[in-house]
């Protein structure tokens, strides 16, 4: 099996400009060759703390390429398996959540192989069109202010803008006001009123599938970050999607081991807490979680995916200058992930009574 080759060509002057300031979001012109087709692109670094890593991640804006406007090329540098992000996003799809597609590619820049990367689909209007979904505004949660609260965890003060922490990807400025009103209502309504009004604003079943996915994969940042909000214009309801899930399956954002019992079954954030404070919603979450633990978050379901992903990129790691010296660690990761899966599944099943 061959990995798709992404070949980037960039003028050395522009490459120096790109490298001169890793925090500059202004793109530089370049071209990208995929399967012998060459297209003009704009290129910039992507991410926050990951920009400091020696193996960079990139944001690519394309022009007139198969209806695709942008690509995210992730280095997965702190994940010794290189598969956690894709494994997670595919898991979300399997439990009925909207989730971006992804695939591993072999990246080179000006002829120099940069290694194995993960290409992430952008969650935008093309994402909706591809799935025959109604158009609607999409918001990226870009920092911890996206905690569904009136209080910022960053400075522990009242937010001056309720849409703080979000970047509007698609939609109109007026859609930002709708998001602000949603956050205001979920924070200020009484318990009885909340139970009545929240189903008019949020796809609750879909939210609980997402919540179960975050809890199972144990993405600690996933409740206030690493997600996107989409408002379905047909239903008028918000839906939530995962994004950037490399710090999962037993490892944190630095690639260090995270104990299987680090994250409780209830998860957290203001919206989750308010939903689980309502008996009928709590029971709905428990039913969804139990089904996922029995059918999806199992060794029988996940192990074949792990082994397939691992074996598909293993032959190319010798071409990755950032990974080839630690292939021995890479080779131990399937067992590590499977042990986490076993321990996490047992832990969550033992704590189902906490939400029933």
Protein backbone atom coordinates (compact mmCIF):
# COMPACT_ATOMS: atom_id res chain seq x y z
CA UNK A 1 0.00 0.00 0.00
CA UNK A 2 1.31 3.44 -0.95
CA UNK A 3 0.59 6.67 0.88
CA UNK A 4 -0.60 9.60 -1.25
CA UNK A 5 2.28 12.01 -1.95
CA UNK A 6 1.83 15.70 -1.24
CA UNK A 7 4.68 17.65 -2.84
CA UNK A 8 4.95 21.34 -1.97
CA UNK A 9 7.15 23.69 -4.00
CA UNK A 10 7.95 27.12 -2.64
CA UNK A 11 10.31 29.89 -3.68
CA UNK A 12 13.31 29.93 -1.27
CA UNK A 13 12.63 33.60 -0.52
CA UNK A 14 9.07 32.79 0.48
CA UNK A 15 10.27 29.78 2.48
CA UNK A 16 12.62 32.03 4.45
CA UNK A 17 9.73 34.41 5.03
CA UNK A 18 7.58 31.54 6.34
CA UNK A 19 10.29 30.33 8.70
CA UNK A 20 11.15 33.82 9.96
CA UNK A 21 8.11 33.99 12.26
CA UNK A 22 6.22 30.82 13.19
CA UNK A 23 3.41 32.90 14.75
CA UNK A 24 2.66 34.86 11.59
CA UNK A 25 -0.63 33.71 10.07
CA UNK A 26 -0.04 35.51 6.78
CA UNK A 27 0.38 32.81 4.10
CA UNK A 28 3.05 32.66 1.44
CA UNK A 29 2.47 31.53 -2.17
CA UNK A 30 3.46 28.02 -3.15
CA UNK A 31 2.28 25.15 -5.32
CA UNK A 32 1.13 21.66 -4.43
CA UNK A 33 1.40 18.53 -6.53
CA UNK A 34 -1.01 15.69 -5.73
CA UNK A 35 -1.06 12.65 -7.99
CA UNK A 36 0.70 14.52 -10.83
CA UNK A 37 -1.76 17.44 -10.69
CA UNK A 38 -0.16 20.73 -9.67
CA UNK A 39 -2.21 23.58 -8.19
CA UNK A 40 -1.39 26.99 -6.77
CA UNK A 41 -1.80 27.34 -3.02
CA UNK A 42 -1.26 29.65 -0.08
CA UNK A 43 0.74 28.09 2.74
CA UNK A 44 1.02 28.92 6.44
CA UNK A 45 1.71 27.17 9.72
CA UNK A 46 -1.27 25.95 11.71
CA UNK A 47 -2.05 25.30 15.37
CA UNK A 48 -0.99 27.00 18.58
CA UNK A 49 1.63 25.30 20.77
CA UNK A 50 2.39 22.81 17.98
CA UNK A 51 4.07 25.59 15.98
CA UNK A 52 7.03 25.33 18.34
CA UNK A 53 7.67 21.70 17.40
CA UNK A 54 10.48 20.92 14.98
CA UNK A 55 8.05 19.04 12.72
CA UNK A 56 5.62 21.74 11.59
CA UNK A 57 1.93 21.45 10.73
CA UNK A 58 0.49 23.39 7.80
CA UNK A 59 -2.66 25.10 6.60
CA UNK A 60 -3.15 25.04 2.85
CA UNK A 61 -5.54 27.22 0.90
CA UNK A 62 -6.26 25.83 -2.58
CA UNK A 63 -7.55 27.51 -5.71
CA UNK A 64 -9.81 25.60 -8.10
CA UNK A 65 -9.04 22.07 -6.93
CA UNK A 66 -11.98 19.64 -6.98
CA UNK A 67 -14.17 22.01 -4.97
CA UNK A 68 -11.80 21.90 -1.99
CA UNK A 69 -10.87 25.27 -0.50
CA UNK A 70 -8.43 24.27 2.22
CA UNK A 71 -6.54 21.39 3.78
CA UNK A 72 -5.02 20.90 7.21
CA UNK A 73 -1.78 18.91 7.24
CA UNK A 74 -0.94 17.74 10.76
CA UNK A 75 2.50 16.56 11.84
CA UNK A 76 1.14 14.51 14.79
CA UNK A 77 4.58 15.10 16.25
CA UNK A 78 3.80 14.36 19.92
CA UNK A 79 1.80 11.24 19.16
CA UNK A 80 4.31 8.35 18.95
CA UNK A 81 1.72 6.24 17.10
CA UNK A 82 0.82 8.91 14.50
CA UNK A 83 -2.67 7.36 14.37
CA UNK A 84 -4.57 8.67 17.41
CA UNK A 85 -6.16 11.60 15.61
CA UNK A 86 -7.52 9.50 12.75
CA UNK A 87 -8.49 6.65 15.06
CA UNK A 88 -10.51 9.11 17.14
CA UNK A 89 -12.22 10.87 14.26
CA UNK A 90 -13.17 7.53 12.68
CA UNK A 91 -14.49 6.39 16.08
CA UNK A 92 -16.75 9.44 16.25
CA UNK A 93 -18.12 8.60 12.81
CA UNK A 94 -18.82 5.03 13.92
CA UNK A 95 -20.98 6.20 16.84
CA UNK A 96 -23.08 8.53 14.70
CA UNK A 97 -21.30 11.86 15.08
CA UNK A 98 -20.44 14.23 12.27
CA UNK A 99 -16.68 14.03 11.99
CA UNK A 100 -14.06 15.23 9.48
CA UNK A 101 -12.45 12.63 7.26
CA UNK A 102 -8.69 12.16 7.36
CA UNK A 103 -5.90 10.20 5.71
CA UNK A 104 -2.16 9.80 6.09
CA UNK A 105 0.05 11.26 3.40
CA UNK A 106 3.77 11.53 2.68
CA UNK A 107 4.78 15.20 2.55
CA UNK A 108 7.78 16.78 0.87
CA UNK A 109 8.82 20.42 0.54
CA UNK A 110 11.12 21.40 -2.34
CA UNK A 111 12.10 17.77 -2.78
CA UNK A 112 12.96 17.16 0.88
CA UNK A 113 10.78 14.53 2.51
CA UNK A 114 9.17 15.91 5.69
CA UNK A 115 7.59 12.62 6.63
CA UNK A 116 4.23 11.07 7.39
CA UNK A 117 1.44 13.58 8.00
CA UNK A 118 -2.30 13.45 8.55
CA UNK A 119 -4.49 15.35 6.12
CA UNK A 120 -7.61 16.63 7.89
CA UNK A 121 -10.77 17.65 6.09
CA UNK A 122 -11.84 21.22 6.76
CA UNK A 123 -15.22 21.61 8.48
CA UNK A 124 -16.77 24.19 6.16
CA UNK A 125 -19.52 24.55 3.52
CA UNK A 126 -17.87 21.83 1.42
CA UNK A 127 -18.00 19.50 4.43
CA UNK A 128 -21.77 20.03 4.60
CA UNK A 129 -22.26 19.77 0.83
CA UNK A 130 -20.34 16.49 0.66
CA UNK A 131 -22.74 14.99 3.24
CA UNK A 132 -25.91 16.50 1.73
CA UNK A 133 -26.49 18.53 4.89
CA UNK A 134 -28.29 21.88 4.99
CA UNK A 135 -25.98 24.87 4.91
CA UNK A 136 -25.58 26.66 8.21
CA UNK A 137 -23.04 28.60 10.27
CA UNK A 138 -20.00 26.76 11.56
CA UNK A 139 -17.90 27.98 14.48
CA UNK A 140 -14.47 26.67 15.47
CA UNK A 141 -13.67 26.56 19.18
CA UNK A 142 -10.22 28.13 19.09
CA UNK A 143 -9.44 28.55 22.80
CA UNK A 144 -10.69 27.72 26.29
CA UNK A 145 -13.19 30.58 26.28
CA UNK A 146 -15.40 28.24 24.22
CA UNK A 147 -16.57 26.64 27.49
CA UNK A 148 -20.31 27.40 27.13
CA UNK A 149 -20.04 29.67 30.16
CA UNK A 150 -20.41 33.37 30.98
CA UNK A 151 -17.05 33.23 32.77
CA UNK A 152 -13.71 33.01 31.02
CA UNK A 153 -11.42 30.29 32.42
CA UNK A 154 -8.49 32.23 30.99
CA UNK A 155 -8.77 35.21 33.38
CA UNK A 156 -11.66 34.00 35.59
CA UNK A 157 -13.66 37.11 34.71
CA UNK A 158 -17.02 37.74 33.05
CA UNK A 159 -16.81 37.57 29.26
CA UNK A 160 -17.46 40.84 27.45
CA UNK A 161 -18.40 38.84 24.33
CA UNK A 162 -20.30 35.58 24.72
CA UNK A 163 -18.88 34.31 21.42
CA UNK A 164 -15.36 34.66 22.82
CA UNK A 165 -13.34 31.55 22.07
CA UNK A 166 -15.01 31.01 18.69
CA UNK A 167 -14.05 31.75 15.11
CA UNK A 168 -16.90 31.88 12.60
CA UNK A 169 -15.92 29.64 9.70
CA UNK A 170 -19.10 29.99 7.65
CA UNK A 171 -22.30 31.99 7.99
CA UNK A 172 -23.24 35.60 8.62
CA UNK A 173 -22.39 38.05 11.36
CA UNK A 174 -25.97 37.69 12.62
CA UNK A 175 -25.27 33.99 13.23
CA UNK A 176 -22.74 35.02 15.85
CA UNK A 177 -25.55 36.72 17.73
CA UNK A 178 -27.55 33.49 17.61
CA UNK A 179 -24.61 31.67 19.20
CA UNK A 180 -24.32 34.37 21.88
CA UNK A 181 -28.04 34.10 22.66
CA UNK A 182 -27.73 30.32 22.95
CA UNK A 183 -24.87 30.64 25.46
CA UNK A 184 -26.79 33.29 27.40
CA UNK A 185 -29.95 31.18 27.60
CA UNK A 186 -28.21 28.02 28.74
CA UNK A 187 -26.51 29.97 31.54
CA UNK A 188 -29.40 32.12 32.78
CA UNK A 189 -32.52 29.95 32.50
CA UNK A 190 -33.87 28.13 35.55
CA UNK A 191 -33.82 24.32 35.69
CA UNK A 192 -37.43 23.84 34.55
CA UNK A 193 -37.11 26.48 31.82
CA UNK A 194 -33.82 24.99 30.65
CA UNK A 195 -35.40 21.55 30.27
CA UNK A 196 -38.07 23.09 28.07
CA UNK A 197 -35.99 25.40 25.88
CA UNK A 198 -32.73 23.48 25.31
CA UNK A 199 -34.29 20.95 22.87
CA UNK A 200 -35.27 23.96 20.72
CA UNK A 201 -31.63 25.00 20.36
CA UNK A 202 -29.51 21.83 20.63
CA UNK A 203 -29.59 18.37 19.06
CA UNK A 204 -29.36 16.65 22.43
CA UNK A 205 -29.00 13.07 21.18
CA UNK A 206 -26.15 14.11 18.90
CA UNK A 207 -24.51 16.10 21.73
CA UNK A 208 -24.55 13.03 23.99
CA UNK A 209 -22.97 10.88 21.28
CA UNK A 210 -20.22 13.48 20.99
CA UNK A 211 -19.88 13.64 24.79
CA UNK A 212 -19.55 9.86 24.98
CA UNK A 213 -16.91 10.00 22.26
CA UNK A 214 -14.86 12.60 24.12
CA UNK A 215 -15.15 10.65 27.37
CA UNK A 216 -14.21 7.31 25.79
CA UNK A 217 -11.16 8.63 23.94
CA UNK A 218 -10.32 10.81 26.98
CA UNK A 219 -9.59 14.06 25.20
CA UNK A 220 -9.22 16.28 28.26
CA UNK A 221 -9.24 19.48 26.15
CA UNK A 222 -12.22 18.37 24.11
CA UNK A 223 -14.90 20.01 26.27
CA UNK A 224 -13.71 23.61 25.89
CA UNK A 225 -11.56 23.30 22.79
CA UNK A 226 -10.99 20.91 19.87
CA UNK A 227 -14.55 21.05 18.57
CA UNK A 228 -16.70 22.82 16.01
CA UNK A 229 -20.34 23.94 16.26
CA UNK A 230 -22.68 23.65 13.29
CA UNK A 231 -26.22 25.06 13.29
CA UNK A 232 -28.44 23.05 10.99
CA UNK A 233 -30.62 25.62 9.21
CA UNK A 234 -33.36 23.06 8.57
CA UNK A 235 -33.81 22.10 12.23
CA UNK A 236 -32.45 25.28 13.83
CA UNK A 237 -30.41 23.09 16.19
CA UNK A 238 -26.72 23.25 17.07
CA UNK A 239 -24.64 20.13 16.51
CA UNK A 240 -21.10 19.57 17.75
CA UNK A 241 -18.14 17.96 15.97
CA UNK A 242 -14.70 16.76 17.12
CA UNK A 243 -11.50 18.40 15.88
CA UNK A 244 -7.79 17.67 16.50
CA UNK A 245 -7.83 14.50 18.57
CA UNK A 246 -4.18 13.46 18.81
CA UNK A 247 -4.10 13.79 22.64
CA UNK A 248 -6.26 10.70 23.18
CA UNK A 249 -6.16 6.96 23.77
CA UNK A 250 -3.99 7.25 26.87
CA UNK A 251 -1.66 10.12 25.98
CA UNK A 252 -1.82 13.87 26.65
CA UNK A 253 -0.85 16.85 24.46
CA UNK A 254 2.83 16.24 25.21
CA UNK A 255 2.65 12.58 24.31
CA UNK A 256 2.99 11.57 27.96
CA UNK A 257 0.93 8.76 29.46
CA UNK A 258 -2.45 9.81 30.85
CA UNK A 259 -4.05 7.37 33.27
CA UNK A 260 -7.17 5.63 32.00
CA UNK A 261 -9.21 7.02 34.93
CA UNK A 262 -8.10 10.64 34.55
CA UNK A 263 -11.43 11.83 33.13
CA UNK A 264 -14.74 11.07 34.82
CA UNK A 265 -17.67 9.61 32.92
CA UNK A 266 -19.70 12.85 33.22
CA UNK A 267 -17.08 14.92 31.44
CA UNK A 268 -17.37 18.65 32.08
CA UNK A 269 -18.21 22.16 30.79
CA UNK A 270 -21.27 24.25 31.61
CA UNK A 271 -23.55 22.83 28.93
CA UNK A 272 -22.78 19.24 29.89
CA UNK A 273 -23.34 19.97 33.59
CA UNK A 274 -26.72 21.58 32.92
CA UNK A 275 -27.88 18.72 30.70
CA UNK A 276 -26.84 16.04 33.18
CA UNK A 277 -28.67 17.90 35.96
CA UNK A 278 -31.95 16.91 34.23
CA UNK A 279 -32.99 13.32 35.01
CA UNK A 280 -34.40 12.45 31.58
CA UNK A 281 -31.34 13.84 29.79
CA UNK A 282 -29.00 12.05 32.17
CA UNK A 283 -30.76 8.73 31.47
CA UNK A 284 -30.52 9.39 27.73
CA UNK A 285 -26.77 9.91 28.05
CA UNK A 286 -26.44 6.71 30.10
CA UNK A 287 -28.32 4.72 27.44
CA UNK A 288 -26.12 6.10 24.67
CA UNK A 289 -22.91 5.51 26.63
CA UNK A 290 -23.86 1.93 27.51
CA UNK A 291 -24.57 1.10 23.86
CA UNK A 292 -21.25 2.60 22.73
CA UNK A 293 -19.33 0.69 25.42
CA UNK A 294 -20.99 -2.55 24.33
CA UNK A 295 -20.77 -2.13 20.56
CA UNK A 296 -18.16 0.46 19.53
CA UNK A 297 -15.60 1.06 22.27
CA UNK A 298 -14.45 -2.54 22.25
CA UNK A 299 -11.33 -4.45 21.35
CA UNK A 300 -13.23 -6.34 18.65
CA UNK A 301 -14.22 -3.08 16.95
CA UNK A 302 -11.09 -0.98 17.47
CA UNK A 303 -8.17 -3.43 17.20
CA UNK A 304 -8.53 -4.08 13.44
CA UNK A 305 -8.51 -0.33 12.83
CA UNK A 306 -5.39 0.14 14.95
CA UNK A 307 -3.51 -2.63 13.19
CA UNK A 308 -4.57 -1.47 9.72
CA UNK A 309 -3.50 2.14 10.36
CA UNK A 310 -0.25 1.07 12.03
CA UNK A 311 0.75 -1.28 9.21
CA UNK A 312 -0.22 1.21 6.48
CA UNK A 313 2.26 3.88 7.62
CA UNK A 314 5.00 1.64 9.10
CA UNK A 315 6.89 1.17 5.77
CA UNK A 316 7.18 4.96 5.32
CA UNK A 317 8.58 5.91 8.72
CA UNK A 318 12.17 5.43 7.57
CA UNK A 319 11.56 8.41 5.27
CA UNK A 320 10.37 10.58 8.17
CA UNK A 321 13.39 12.43 9.62
CA UNK A 322 11.47 13.21 12.83
CA UNK A 323 10.26 9.68 13.55
CA UNK A 324 12.75 7.18 12.09
CA UNK A 325 14.92 7.22 15.23
CA UNK A 326 11.99 6.16 17.44
CA UNK A 327 10.30 3.48 15.37
CA UNK A 328 10.80 1.09 18.29
CA UNK A 329 8.37 3.24 20.31
CA UNK A 330 5.97 3.38 17.36
CA UNK A 331 5.94 -0.42 17.22
CA UNK A 332 4.82 -0.63 20.88
CA UNK A 333 1.93 1.78 20.49
CA UNK A 334 -0.77 -0.66 19.30
CA UNK A 335 -0.39 -2.64 22.54
CA UNK A 336 -0.33 0.59 24.54
CA UNK A 337 -3.57 1.82 22.93
CA UNK A 338 -5.28 -1.55 23.34
CA UNK A 339 -4.35 -1.67 27.03
CA UNK A 340 -5.80 1.81 27.48
CA UNK A 341 -8.95 0.72 25.65
CA UNK A 342 -9.38 -2.29 27.94
CA UNK A 343 -8.75 -0.29 31.13
CA UNK A 344 -10.88 2.67 30.03
CA UNK A 345 -13.80 0.47 28.98
CA UNK A 346 -13.77 -1.35 32.32
CA UNK A 347 -13.54 1.94 34.21
CA UNK A 348 -16.46 3.52 32.34
CA UNK A 349 -18.65 0.42 32.70
CA UNK A 350 -17.94 0.41 36.43
CA UNK A 351 -19.07 4.05 36.62
CA UNK A 352 -22.24 3.80 34.53
CA UNK A 353 -24.16 3.82 37.80
CA UNK A 354 -22.91 7.40 38.33
CA UNK A 355 -25.12 8.60 35.47
CA UNK A 356 -28.04 6.17 35.73
